[in-house]
Amino acid sequence: MAIIRVKDLLIRTYIGFNPEELVNKQDVVINLEIEVDVPEKALKTDEPDGIYDYKKVTKRIINYVQEGRFKLLEVLTRQLLGMIMEDPLVKRARVEVDKPHALRFAESVSVEMEDFR
């Protein structure tokens, strides 16, 4: 098993339901933790055959978030978690989405969700 972490992925998107949030993109910060099996063959040969492609899923997430419109952090978080869990190599995943400056006296508000097989 291996745990892959993608940290502080900063993306601009439409997030929220207040009038100004519907017309202005905002930053979200995404952290991923993905637990996968690593094929023994890959460990012996140092070749990427059968390895989980974290670059591919990260690109997919970036595109999805940039092009999307979301009212709730909870919905965005769950959708990203579902995308990650589609890959049969994934055994467990955790997604945290932060919305910086969502509250006046807080650095950010975040939602975190986890799933496993």
N, C-alpha and C. Protein backbone atom coordinates (compact mmCIF):
# COMPACT_ATOMS: atom_id res chain seq x y z
N MET A 1 0.84 -1.19 0.00
CA MET A 1 0.00 0.00 0.00
C MET A 1 0.88 1.24 0.00
N ALA A 2 0.35 2.27 -0.61
CA ALA A 2 1.01 3.57 -0.60
C ALA A 2 -0.06 4.63 -0.41
N ILE A 3 0.33 5.73 0.23
CA ILE A 3 -0.56 6.87 0.36
C ILE A 3 0.01 8.01 -0.46
N ILE A 4 -0.78 8.47 -1.40
CA ILE A 4 -0.40 9.59 -2.25
C ILE A 4 -1.13 10.82 -1.73
N ARG A 5 -0.40 11.89 -1.54
CA ARG A 5 -1.00 13.14 -1.08
C ARG A 5 -0.76 14.24 -2.11
N VAL A 6 -1.82 14.92 -2.48
CA VAL A 6 -1.72 16.12 -3.30
C VAL A 6 -2.12 17.25 -2.37
N LYS A 7 -1.19 18.18 -2.16
CA LYS A 7 -1.39 19.21 -1.13
C LYS A 7 -1.56 20.60 -1.74
N ASP A 8 -2.53 21.30 -1.21
CA ASP A 8 -2.74 22.72 -1.52
C ASP A 8 -2.91 23.01 -3.00
N LEU A 9 -3.77 22.27 -3.64
CA LEU A 9 -4.11 22.49 -5.04
C LEU A 9 -5.04 23.70 -5.09
N LEU A 10 -4.57 24.80 -5.64
CA LEU A 10 -5.29 26.07 -5.64
C LEU A 10 -5.98 26.26 -6.99
N ILE A 11 -7.32 26.36 -6.95
CA ILE A 11 -8.12 26.47 -8.17
C ILE A 11 -9.17 27.56 -7.98
N ARG A 12 -9.45 28.29 -9.05
CA ARG A 12 -10.51 29.30 -9.03
C ARG A 12 -11.77 28.72 -9.66
N THR A 13 -12.90 28.95 -8.98
CA THR A 13 -14.17 28.43 -9.46
C THR A 13 -15.31 29.28 -8.91
N TYR A 14 -16.50 28.99 -9.38
CA TYR A 14 -17.70 29.60 -8.80
C TYR A 14 -18.14 28.71 -7.66
N ILE A 15 -18.15 29.25 -6.45
CA ILE A 15 -18.55 28.47 -5.28
C ILE A 15 -19.37 29.36 -4.34
N GLY A 16 -20.55 28.93 -4.02
CA GLY A 16 -21.41 29.69 -3.12
C GLY A 16 -22.74 30.00 -3.76
N PHE A 17 -23.61 30.62 -2.97
CA PHE A 17 -24.95 30.92 -3.46
C PHE A 17 -25.37 32.36 -3.20
N ASN A 18 -24.49 33.16 -2.58
CA ASN A 18 -24.78 34.58 -2.43
C ASN A 18 -24.64 35.26 -3.79
N PRO A 19 -25.36 36.36 -4.01
CA PRO A 19 -25.34 36.99 -5.35
C PRO A 19 -23.94 37.25 -5.91
N GLU A 20 -23.03 37.77 -5.10
CA GLU A 20 -21.68 38.07 -5.59
C GLU A 20 -20.89 36.79 -5.89
N GLU A 21 -21.21 35.70 -5.21
CA GLU A 21 -20.52 34.43 -5.44
C GLU A 21 -20.97 33.76 -6.75
N LEU A 22 -22.15 34.14 -7.21
CA LEU A 22 -22.66 33.56 -8.44
C LEU A 22 -22.02 34.17 -9.68
N VAL A 23 -21.39 35.34 -9.53
CA VAL A 23 -20.81 36.03 -10.69
C VAL A 23 -19.29 36.20 -10.60
N ASN A 24 -18.70 35.93 -9.44
CA ASN A 24 -17.26 36.08 -9.26
C ASN A 24 -16.62 34.77 -8.84
N LYS A 25 -15.58 34.36 -9.56
CA LYS A 25 -14.85 33.16 -9.16
C LYS A 25 -14.10 33.42 -7.87
N GLN A 26 -13.93 32.36 -7.09
CA GLN A 26 -13.19 32.41 -5.84
C GLN A 26 -12.18 31.26 -5.81
N ASP A 27 -11.21 31.41 -4.94
CA ASP A 27 -10.23 30.34 -4.75
C ASP A 27 -10.81 29.24 -3.88
N VAL A 28 -10.46 28.01 -4.22
CA VAL A 28 -10.63 26.88 -3.32
C VAL A 28 -9.28 26.18 -3.24
N VAL A 29 -9.00 25.60 -2.09
CA VAL A 29 -7.76 24.87 -1.88
C VAL A 29 -8.15 23.42 -1.62
N ILE A 30 -7.60 22.52 -2.42
CA ILE A 30 -7.98 21.11 -2.35
C ILE A 30 -6.79 20.27 -1.90
N ASN A 31 -7.05 19.40 -0.93
CA ASN A 31 -6.05 18.44 -0.47
C ASN A 31 -6.62 17.04 -0.66
N LEU A 32 -5.80 16.17 -1.23
CA LEU A 32 -6.21 14.80 -1.50
C LEU A 32 -5.29 13.83 -0.77
N GLU A 33 -5.86 12.77 -0.28
CA GLU A 33 -5.09 11.66 0.27
C GLU A 33 -5.69 10.40 -0.34
N ILE A 34 -4.85 9.66 -1.09
CA ILE A 34 -5.34 8.52 -1.86
C ILE A 34 -4.48 7.30 -1.52
N GLU A 35 -5.12 6.28 -1.00
CA GLU A 35 -4.41 5.04 -0.65
C GLU A 35 -4.62 4.04 -1.77
N VAL A 36 -3.50 3.53 -2.29
CA VAL A 36 -3.55 2.62 -3.43
C VAL A 36 -2.63 1.43 -3.21
N ASP A 37 -2.95 0.36 -3.91
CA ASP A 37 -2.04 -0.78 -3.97
C ASP A 37 -0.93 -0.45 -4.97
N VAL A 38 0.28 -0.86 -4.66
CA VAL A 38 1.40 -0.72 -5.59
C VAL A 38 1.78 -2.12 -6.05
N PRO A 39 1.70 -2.37 -7.35
CA PRO A 39 2.04 -3.70 -7.84
C PRO A 39 3.49 -4.07 -7.52
N GLU A 40 3.68 -5.29 -7.08
CA GLU A 40 5.03 -5.79 -6.76
C GLU A 40 5.97 -5.66 -7.96
N LYS A 41 5.43 -5.91 -9.14
CA LYS A 41 6.24 -5.80 -10.36
C LYS A 41 6.83 -4.40 -10.52
N ALA A 42 6.02 -3.39 -10.26
CA ALA A 42 6.50 -2.01 -10.39
C ALA A 42 7.62 -1.72 -9.38
N LEU A 43 7.50 -2.26 -8.19
CA LEU A 43 8.54 -2.06 -7.18
C LEU A 43 9.85 -2.74 -7.57
N LYS A 44 9.75 -3.87 -8.27
CA LYS A 44 10.96 -4.60 -8.67
C LYS A 44 11.61 -4.03 -9.92
N THR A 45 10.77 -3.54 -10.85
CA THR A 45 11.31 -3.10 -12.14
C THR A 45 11.48 -1.58 -12.25
N ASP A 46 10.90 -0.83 -11.32
CA ASP A 46 10.93 0.64 -11.36
C ASP A 46 10.30 1.16 -12.65
N GLU A 47 9.27 0.46 -13.10
CA GLU A 47 8.51 0.86 -14.28
C GLU A 47 7.07 1.17 -13.85
N PRO A 48 6.42 2.12 -14.52
CA PRO A 48 5.11 2.58 -14.06
C PRO A 48 3.92 1.70 -14.45
N ASP A 49 4.15 0.52 -15.00
CA ASP A 49 3.05 -0.35 -15.39
C ASP A 49 2.19 -0.71 -14.18
N GLY A 50 0.90 -0.42 -14.28
CA GLY A 50 -0.03 -0.77 -13.21
C GLY A 50 -0.06 0.19 -12.05
N ILE A 51 0.66 1.29 -12.15
CA ILE A 51 0.72 2.29 -11.06
C ILE A 51 -0.44 3.27 -11.19
N TYR A 52 -0.97 3.71 -10.07
CA TYR A 52 -2.03 4.73 -10.05
C TYR A 52 -1.48 6.03 -10.61
N ASP A 53 -2.21 6.63 -11.54
CA ASP A 53 -1.76 7.85 -12.21
C ASP A 53 -2.34 9.08 -11.51
N TYR A 54 -1.62 9.59 -10.52
CA TYR A 54 -2.12 10.74 -9.77
C TYR A 54 -2.11 12.02 -10.60
N LYS A 55 -1.24 12.10 -11.59
CA LYS A 55 -1.23 13.28 -12.46
C LYS A 55 -2.53 13.35 -13.28
N LYS A 56 -2.97 12.20 -13.76
CA LYS A 56 -4.19 12.14 -14.57
C LYS A 56 -5.41 12.58 -13.76
N VAL A 57 -5.55 12.06 -12.55
CA VAL A 57 -6.72 12.41 -11.74
C VAL A 57 -6.64 13.87 -11.30
N THR A 58 -5.44 14.38 -11.04
CA THR A 58 -5.29 15.78 -10.66
C THR A 58 -5.70 16.70 -11.80
N LYS A 59 -5.29 16.39 -13.01
CA LYS A 59 -5.70 17.19 -14.18
C LYS A 59 -7.21 17.17 -14.35
N ARG A 60 -7.80 16.00 -14.15
CA ARG A 60 -9.25 15.88 -14.27
C ARG A 60 -9.97 16.73 -13.22
N ILE A 61 -9.46 16.72 -12.00
CA ILE A 61 -10.04 17.52 -10.93
C ILE A 61 -9.91 19.01 -11.24
N ILE A 62 -8.74 19.43 -11.68
CA ILE A 62 -8.52 20.85 -12.01
C ILE A 62 -9.53 21.30 -13.06
N ASN A 63 -9.66 20.55 -14.12
CA ASN A 63 -10.59 20.91 -15.19
C ASN A 63 -12.03 20.95 -14.68
N TYR A 64 -12.42 19.94 -13.92
CA TYR A 64 -13.79 19.86 -13.40
C TYR A 64 -14.12 21.06 -12.51
N VAL A 65 -13.20 21.40 -11.62
CA VAL A 65 -13.45 22.50 -10.68
C VAL A 65 -13.45 23.84 -11.41
N GLN A 66 -12.48 24.06 -12.30
CA GLN A 66 -12.40 25.33 -13.03
C GLN A 66 -13.64 25.58 -13.89
N GLU A 67 -14.17 24.53 -14.49
CA GLU A 67 -15.29 24.68 -15.41
C GLU A 67 -16.65 24.63 -14.70
N GLY A 68 -16.68 24.23 -13.43
CA GLY A 68 -17.94 24.01 -12.74
C GLY A 68 -18.49 25.21 -12.01
N ARG A 69 -19.69 25.05 -11.53
CA ARG A 69 -20.36 26.01 -10.67
C ARG A 69 -20.97 25.20 -9.52
N PHE A 70 -20.65 25.60 -8.31
CA PHE A 70 -21.07 24.85 -7.13
C PHE A 70 -21.64 25.80 -6.09
N LYS A 71 -22.75 25.42 -5.50
CA LYS A 71 -23.32 26.21 -4.41
C LYS A 71 -22.75 25.78 -3.07
N LEU A 72 -22.52 24.47 -2.91
CA LEU A 72 -22.12 23.94 -1.61
C LEU A 72 -20.75 23.27 -1.66
N LEU A 73 -19.93 23.55 -0.66
CA LEU A 73 -18.64 22.87 -0.51
C LEU A 73 -18.85 21.36 -0.36
N GLU A 74 -19.92 21.00 0.32
CA GLU A 74 -20.20 19.58 0.54
C GLU A 74 -20.40 18.83 -0.78
N VAL A 75 -21.09 19.46 -1.71
CA VAL A 75 -21.35 18.82 -3.00
C VAL A 75 -20.05 18.72 -3.80
N LEU A 76 -19.27 19.79 -3.86
CA LEU A 76 -18.00 19.76 -4.57
C LEU A 76 -17.08 18.68 -3.99
N THR A 77 -16.99 18.62 -2.68
CA THR A 77 -16.13 17.64 -2.02
C THR A 77 -16.56 16.22 -2.36
N ARG A 78 -17.84 15.95 -2.29
CA ARG A 78 -18.35 14.59 -2.58
C ARG A 78 -18.12 14.22 -4.03
N GLN A 79 -18.30 15.16 -4.94
CA GLN A 79 -18.09 14.86 -6.36
C GLN A 79 -16.63 14.52 -6.64
N LEU A 80 -15.71 15.26 -6.03
CA LEU A 80 -14.29 14.97 -6.22
C LEU A 80 -13.93 13.60 -5.64
N LEU A 81 -14.47 13.30 -4.47
CA LEU A 81 -14.22 12.00 -3.86
C LEU A 81 -14.73 10.87 -4.76
N GLY A 82 -15.89 11.06 -5.35
CA GLY A 82 -16.44 10.06 -6.27
C GLY A 82 -15.55 9.85 -7.48
N MET A 83 -14.98 10.93 -8.02
CA MET A 83 -14.09 10.82 -9.17
C MET A 83 -12.87 9.96 -8.82
N ILE A 84 -12.32 10.18 -7.66
CA ILE A 84 -11.13 9.44 -7.24
C ILE A 84 -11.46 7.97 -7.03
N MET A 85 -12.60 7.71 -6.40
CA MET A 85 -12.97 6.33 -6.07
C MET A 85 -13.37 5.49 -7.29
N GLU A 86 -13.54 6.12 -8.46
CA GLU A 86 -13.86 5.37 -9.68
C GLU A 86 -12.74 4.41 -10.07
N ASP A 87 -11.51 4.74 -9.72
CA ASP A 87 -10.37 3.92 -10.11
C ASP A 87 -10.28 2.70 -9.19
N PRO A 88 -10.25 1.48 -9.77
CA PRO A 88 -10.21 0.28 -8.94
C PRO A 88 -8.93 0.12 -8.12
N LEU A 89 -7.87 0.84 -8.45
CA LEU A 89 -6.64 0.77 -7.66
C LEU A 89 -6.77 1.50 -6.32
N VAL A 90 -7.75 2.40 -6.22
CA VAL A 90 -7.92 3.20 -5.00
C VAL A 90 -8.64 2.37 -3.95
N LYS A 91 -8.02 2.29 -2.78
CA LYS A 91 -8.61 1.55 -1.65
C LYS A 91 -9.31 2.49 -0.67
N ARG A 92 -8.76 3.69 -0.54
CA ARG A 92 -9.33 4.69 0.37
C ARG A 92 -8.94 6.06 -0.15
N ALA A 93 -9.83 7.02 0.03
CA ALA A 93 -9.50 8.39 -0.37
C ALA A 93 -10.13 9.36 0.61
N ARG A 94 -9.44 10.47 0.79
CA ARG A 94 -9.93 11.57 1.62
C ARG A 94 -9.74 12.85 0.81
N VAL A 95 -10.78 13.67 0.79
CA VAL A 95 -10.74 14.94 0.08
C VAL A 95 -11.14 16.04 1.04
N GLU A 96 -10.34 17.10 1.07
CA GLU A 96 -10.67 18.29 1.86
C GLU A 96 -10.67 19.48 0.91
N VAL A 97 -11.75 20.25 0.95
CA VAL A 97 -11.86 21.46 0.13
C VAL A 97 -12.02 22.65 1.07
N ASP A 98 -11.09 23.59 0.96
CA ASP A 98 -11.11 24.82 1.76
C ASP A 98 -11.62 25.96 0.91
N LYS A 99 -12.42 26.81 1.51
CA LYS A 99 -12.85 28.06 0.88
C LYS A 99 -12.28 29.20 1.71
N PRO A 100 -11.13 29.75 1.27
CA PRO A 100 -10.49 30.82 2.04
C PRO A 100 -11.41 32.04 2.19
N HIS A 101 -11.34 32.63 3.35
CA HIS A 101 -12.04 33.89 3.65
C HIS A 101 -13.57 33.78 3.55
N ALA A 102 -14.11 32.59 3.74
CA ALA A 102 -15.56 32.41 3.68
C ALA A 102 -16.25 33.06 4.87
N LEU A 103 -15.54 33.13 5.98
CA LEU A 103 -16.07 33.78 7.18
C LEU A 103 -15.15 34.94 7.56
N ARG A 104 -15.72 35.97 8.09
CA ARG A 104 -15.00 37.20 8.37
C ARG A 104 -13.77 37.03 9.24
N PHE A 105 -13.84 36.27 10.30
CA PHE A 105 -12.72 36.16 11.23
C PHE A 105 -11.99 34.82 11.14
N ALA A 106 -12.21 34.10 10.06
CA ALA A 106 -11.57 32.79 9.90
C ALA A 106 -10.72 32.79 8.63
N GLU A 107 -9.62 32.06 8.69
CA GLU A 107 -8.77 31.92 7.51
C GLU A 107 -9.51 31.20 6.39
N SER A 108 -10.27 30.17 6.75
CA SER A 108 -11.04 29.45 5.74
C SER A 108 -12.10 28.59 6.42
N VAL A 109 -12.96 28.05 5.58
CA VAL A 109 -13.92 27.03 5.99
C VAL A 109 -13.63 25.84 5.09
N SER A 110 -13.65 24.63 5.66
CA SER A 110 -13.39 23.46 4.83
C SER A 110 -14.38 22.36 5.12
N VAL A 111 -14.52 21.49 4.12
CA VAL A 111 -15.31 20.28 4.25
C VAL A 111 -14.38 19.12 3.89
N GLU A 112 -14.41 18.07 4.67
CA GLU A 112 -13.59 16.89 4.43
C GLU A 112 -14.48 15.67 4.39
N MET A 113 -14.24 14.81 3.41
CA MET A 113 -14.98 13.55 3.28
C MET A 113 -14.02 12.43 2.94
N GLU A 114 -14.40 11.22 3.33
CA GLU A 114 -13.56 10.04 3.12
C GLU A 114 -14.42 8.89 2.66
N ASP A 115 -13.83 8.03 1.85
CA ASP A 115 -14.50 6.82 1.39
C ASP A 115 -13.48 5.70 1.27
N PHE A 116 -13.93 4.46 1.32
CA PHE A 116 -13.02 3.33 1.22
C PHE A 116 -13.76 2.13 0.66
N ARG A 117 -12.97 1.13 0.21
CA ARG A 117 -13.54 -0.13 -0.28
C ARG A 117 -13.18 -1.24 0.69
